[in-house]
Protein backbone atom coordinates (compact mmCIF):
# COMPACT_ATOMS: atom_id res chain seq x y z
CA UNK A 1 0.00 0.00 0.00
CA UNK A 2 1.36 3.42 -0.95
CA UNK A 3 -0.28 6.60 0.38
CA UNK A 4 2.52 9.16 0.04
CA UNK A 5 0.71 11.42 -2.46
CA UNK A 6 -1.95 12.52 0.03
CA UNK A 7 -0.07 15.58 1.26
CA UNK A 8 -2.97 17.54 2.76
CA UNK A 9 -5.02 14.68 4.17
CA UNK A 10 -5.97 15.18 7.84
CA UNK A 11 -8.16 12.13 8.56
CA UNK A 12 -7.40 8.63 7.27
CA UNK A 13 -9.90 5.83 7.91
CA UNK A 14 -8.58 2.40 6.97
CA UNK A 15 -10.68 0.40 9.40
CA UNK A 16 -12.02 -3.04 8.42
CA UNK A 17 -9.68 -3.54 5.44
CA UNK A 18 -7.82 -6.72 6.42
CA UNK A 19 -4.51 -4.83 6.51
CA UNK A 20 -1.76 -7.12 7.80
CA UNK A 21 1.29 -4.85 7.91
CA UNK A 22 1.99 -1.14 7.94
CA UNK A 23 5.24 -1.32 6.03
CA UNK A 24 8.05 1.11 6.62
CA UNK A 25 7.11 4.71 5.88
CA UNK A 26 3.48 3.92 5.01
CA UNK A 27 2.44 7.48 5.79
CA UNK A 28 5.44 9.14 4.10
CA UNK A 29 4.96 12.84 3.22
CA UNK A 30 1.62 12.99 5.07
CA UNK A 31 2.69 15.85 7.32
CA UNK A 32 -0.86 17.10 8.03
CA UNK A 33 -2.33 13.76 9.11
CA UNK A 34 -4.07 14.18 12.49
CA UNK A 35 -6.33 11.12 12.77
CA UNK A 36 -5.48 7.53 11.77
CA UNK A 37 -8.12 4.82 12.15
CA UNK A 38 -6.73 1.30 11.69
CA UNK A 39 -9.33 -0.55 13.77
CA UNK A 40 -10.54 -4.03 12.89
CA UNK A 41 -7.64 -5.08 10.70
CA UNK A 42 -5.05 -7.85 11.01
CA UNK A 43 -2.07 -5.72 11.94
CA UNK A 44 0.68 -7.59 13.74
CA UNK A 45 3.86 -5.48 13.30
CA UNK A 46 4.65 -1.77 13.56
CA UNK A 47 8.02 -0.84 12.04
CA UNK A 48 10.05 1.99 13.55
CA UNK A 49 9.72 4.33 10.55
CA UNK A 50 5.99 3.96 9.94
CA UNK A 51 5.16 7.34 11.54
CA UNK A 52 8.45 9.07 10.63
CA UNK A 53 6.79 12.00 8.84
CA UNK A 54 3.43 12.19 10.62
CA UNK A 55 4.34 13.93 13.85
CA UNK A 56 1.04 15.87 14.20
CA UNK A 57 -1.13 12.77 14.70
CA UNK A 58 -3.48 13.37 17.64
CA UNK A 59 -5.70 10.29 17.42
CA UNK A 60 -4.53 6.76 16.61
CA UNK A 61 -7.10 3.95 16.69
CA UNK A 62 -5.62 0.45 16.73
CA UNK A 63 -8.21 -1.58 18.61
CA UNK A 64 -9.18 -5.03 17.38
CA UNK A 65 -5.90 -5.97 15.71
CA UNK A 66 -3.41 -8.73 16.44
CA UNK A 67 -0.37 -6.59 17.19
CA UNK A 68 2.56 -8.67 18.39
CA UNK A 69 5.64 -6.58 17.56
CA UNK A 70 6.11 -2.83 17.98
CA UNK A 71 9.50 -1.38 17.15
CA UNK A 72 11.03 0.48 20.07
CA UNK A 73 10.69 3.91 18.46
CA UNK A 74 7.53 3.32 16.39
CA UNK A 75 5.47 5.95 18.18
CA UNK A 76 8.26 8.20 19.51
CA UNK A 77 7.63 10.99 16.97
CA UNK A 78 3.93 11.23 17.78
CA UNK A 79 4.40 13.95 20.39
CA UNK A 80 0.86 15.36 20.07
CA UNK A 81 -0.88 12.02 20.48
CA UNK A 82 -3.98 12.47 22.66
CA UNK A 83 -5.99 9.32 22.05
CA UNK A 84 -4.29 5.98 21.64
CA UNK A 85 -6.80 3.16 21.68
CA UNK A 86 -5.00 -0.15 21.93
CA UNK A 87 -7.38 -3.01 22.65
CA UNK A 88 -5.45 -5.63 20.67
C-alpha atoms as a PDB file:
ATOM      1  CA  UNK A   1       0.000   0.000   0.000  1.00  0.00           C
ATOM      2  CA  UNK A   2       1.362   3.425  -0.945  1.00  0.00           C
ATOM      3  CA  UNK A   3      -0.281   6.604   0.376  1.00  0.00           C
ATOM      4  CA  UNK A   4       2.517   9.157   0.036  1.00  0.00           C
ATOM      5  CA  UNK A   5       0.705  11.418  -2.461  1.00  0.00           C
ATOM      6  CA  UNK A   6      -1.949  12.519   0.027  1.00  0.00           C
ATOM      7  CA  UNK A   7      -0.068  15.581   1.258  1.00  0.00           C
ATOM      8  CA  UNK A   8      -2.974  17.544   2.763  1.00  0.00           C
ATOM      9  CA  UNK A   9      -5.021  14.684   4.173  1.00  0.00           C
ATOM     10  CA  UNK A  10      -5.971  15.183   7.844  1.00  0.00           C
ATOM     11  CA  UNK A  11      -8.158  12.129   8.556  1.00  0.00           C
ATOM     12  CA  UNK A  12      -7.401   8.633   7.267  1.00  0.00           C
ATOM     13  CA  UNK A  13      -9.904   5.833   7.912  1.00  0.00           C
ATOM     14  CA  UNK A  14      -8.575   2.401   6.973  1.00  0.00           C
ATOM     15  CA  UNK A  15     -10.681   0.401   9.402  1.00  0.00           C
ATOM     16  CA  UNK A  16     -12.015  -3.045   8.417  1.00  0.00           C
ATOM     17  CA  UNK A  17      -9.682  -3.537   5.445  1.00  0.00           C
ATOM     18  CA  UNK A  18      -7.822  -6.721   6.421  1.00  0.00           C
ATOM     19  CA  UNK A  19      -4.510  -4.831   6.513  1.00  0.00           C
ATOM     20  CA  UNK A  20      -1.762  -7.118   7.796  1.00  0.00           C
ATOM     21  CA  UNK A  21       1.285  -4.846   7.913  1.00  0.00           C
ATOM     22  CA  UNK A  22       1.992  -1.139   7.939  1.00  0.00           C
ATOM     23  CA  UNK A  23       5.244  -1.323   6.026  1.00  0.00           C
ATOM     24  CA  UNK A  24       8.047   1.113   6.615  1.00  0.00           C
ATOM     25  CA  UNK A  25       7.112   4.709   5.879  1.00  0.00           C
ATOM     26  CA  UNK A  26       3.480   3.921   5.009  1.00  0.00           C
ATOM     27  CA  UNK A  27       2.444   7.484   5.795  1.00  0.00           C
ATOM     28  CA  UNK A  28       5.445   9.138   4.102  1.00  0.00           C
ATOM     29  CA  UNK A  29       4.957  12.839   3.223  1.00  0.00           C
ATOM     30  CA  UNK A  30       1.617  12.990   5.069  1.00  0.00           C
ATOM     31  CA  UNK A  31       2.688  15.846   7.320  1.00  0.00           C
ATOM     32  CA  UNK A  32      -0.865  17.097   8.026  1.00  0.00           C
ATOM     33  CA  UNK A  33      -2.334  13.765   9.105  1.00  0.00           C
ATOM     34  CA  UNK A  34      -4.071  14.181  12.494  1.00  0.00           C
ATOM     35  CA  UNK A  35      -6.327  11.116  12.766  1.00  0.00           C
ATOM     36  CA  UNK A  36      -5.485   7.529  11.771  1.00  0.00           C
ATOM     37  CA  UNK A  37      -8.117   4.824  12.146  1.00  0.00           C
ATOM     38  CA  UNK A  38      -6.733   1.305  11.686  1.00  0.00           C
ATOM     39  CA  UNK A  39      -9.330  -0.552  13.767  1.00  0.00           C
ATOM     40  CA  UNK A  40     -10.539  -4.032  12.890  1.00  0.00           C
ATOM     41  CA  UNK A  41      -7.636  -5.083  10.695  1.00  0.00           C
ATOM     42  CA  UNK A  42      -5.052  -7.853  11.007  1.00  0.00           C
ATOM     43  CA  UNK A  43      -2.067  -5.720  11.937  1.00  0.00           C
ATOM     44  CA  UNK A  44       0.680  -7.592  13.745  1.00  0.00           C
ATOM     45  CA  UNK A  45       3.855  -5.479  13.299  1.00  0.00           C
ATOM     46  CA  UNK A  46       4.654  -1.773  13.557  1.00  0.00           C
ATOM     47  CA  UNK A  47       8.015  -0.837  12.036  1.00  0.00           C
ATOM     48  CA  UNK A  48      10.053   1.987  13.548  1.00  0.00           C
ATOM     49  CA  UNK A  49       9.721   4.327  10.555  1.00  0.00           C
ATOM     50  CA  UNK A  50       5.990   3.964   9.940  1.00  0.00           C
ATOM     51  CA  UNK A  51       5.164   7.340  11.536  1.00  0.00           C
ATOM     52  CA  UNK A  52       8.446   9.074  10.633  1.00  0.00           C
ATOM     53  CA  UNK A  53       6.790  12.002   8.845  1.00  0.00           C
ATOM     54  CA  UNK A  54       3.434  12.193  10.625  1.00  0.00           C
ATOM     55  CA  UNK A  55       4.337  13.931  13.854  1.00  0.00           C
ATOM     56  CA  UNK A  56       1.037  15.870  14.204  1.00  0.00           C
ATOM     57  CA  UNK A  57      -1.127  12.771  14.704  1.00  0.00           C
ATOM     58  CA  UNK A  58      -3.478  13.374  17.641  1.00  0.00           C
ATOM     59  CA  UNK A  59      -5.697  10.286  17.422  1.00  0.00           C
ATOM     60  CA  UNK A  60      -4.532   6.765  16.606  1.00  0.00           C
ATOM     61  CA  UNK A  61      -7.098   3.952  16.689  1.00  0.00           C
ATOM     62  CA  UNK A  62      -5.623   0.446  16.733  1.00  0.00           C
ATOM     63  CA  UNK A  63      -8.211  -1.583  18.615  1.00  0.00           C
ATOM     64  CA  UNK A  64      -9.184  -5.028  17.382  1.00  0.00           C
ATOM     65  CA  UNK A  65      -5.898  -5.970  15.713  1.00  0.00           C
ATOM     66  CA  UNK A  66      -3.407  -8.731  16.437  1.00  0.00           C
ATOM     67  CA  UNK A  67      -0.366  -6.586  17.194  1.00  0.00           C
ATOM     68  CA  UNK A  68       2.561  -8.674  18.390  1.00  0.00           C
ATOM     69  CA  UNK A  69       5.638  -6.579  17.564  1.00  0.00           C
ATOM     70  CA  UNK A  70       6.112  -2.831  17.979  1.00  0.00           C
ATOM     71  CA  UNK A  71       9.499  -1.376  17.148  1.00  0.00           C
ATOM     72  CA  UNK A  72      11.025   0.479  20.069  1.00  0.00           C
ATOM     73  CA  UNK A  73      10.685   3.914  18.463  1.00  0.00           C
ATOM     74  CA  UNK A  74       7.535   3.317  16.386  1.00  0.00           C
ATOM     75  CA  UNK A  75       5.473   5.954  18.182  1.00  0.00           C
ATOM     76  CA  UNK A  76       8.256   8.204  19.511  1.00  0.00           C
ATOM     77  CA  UNK A  77       7.635  10.991  16.965  1.00  0.00           C
ATOM     78  CA  UNK A  78       3.931  11.233  17.776  1.00  0.00           C
ATOM     79  CA  UNK A  79       4.396  13.954  20.386  1.00  0.00           C
ATOM     80  CA  UNK A  80       0.864  15.357  20.072  1.00  0.00           C
ATOM     81  CA  UNK A  81      -0.879  12.015  20.480  1.00  0.00           C
ATOM     82  CA  UNK A  82      -3.984  12.470  22.664  1.00  0.00           C
ATOM     83  CA  UNK A  83      -5.987   9.318  22.046  1.00  0.00           C
ATOM     84  CA  UNK A  84      -4.285   5.984  21.638  1.00  0.00           C
ATOM     85  CA  UNK A  85      -6.796   3.164  21.676  1.00  0.00           C
ATOM     86  CA  UNK A  86      -5.005  -0.146  21.933  1.00  0.00           C
ATOM     87  CA  UNK A  87      -7.378  -3.005  22.645  1.00  0.00           C
ATOM     88  CA  UNK A  88      -5.451  -5.628  20.671  1.00  0.00           C
END
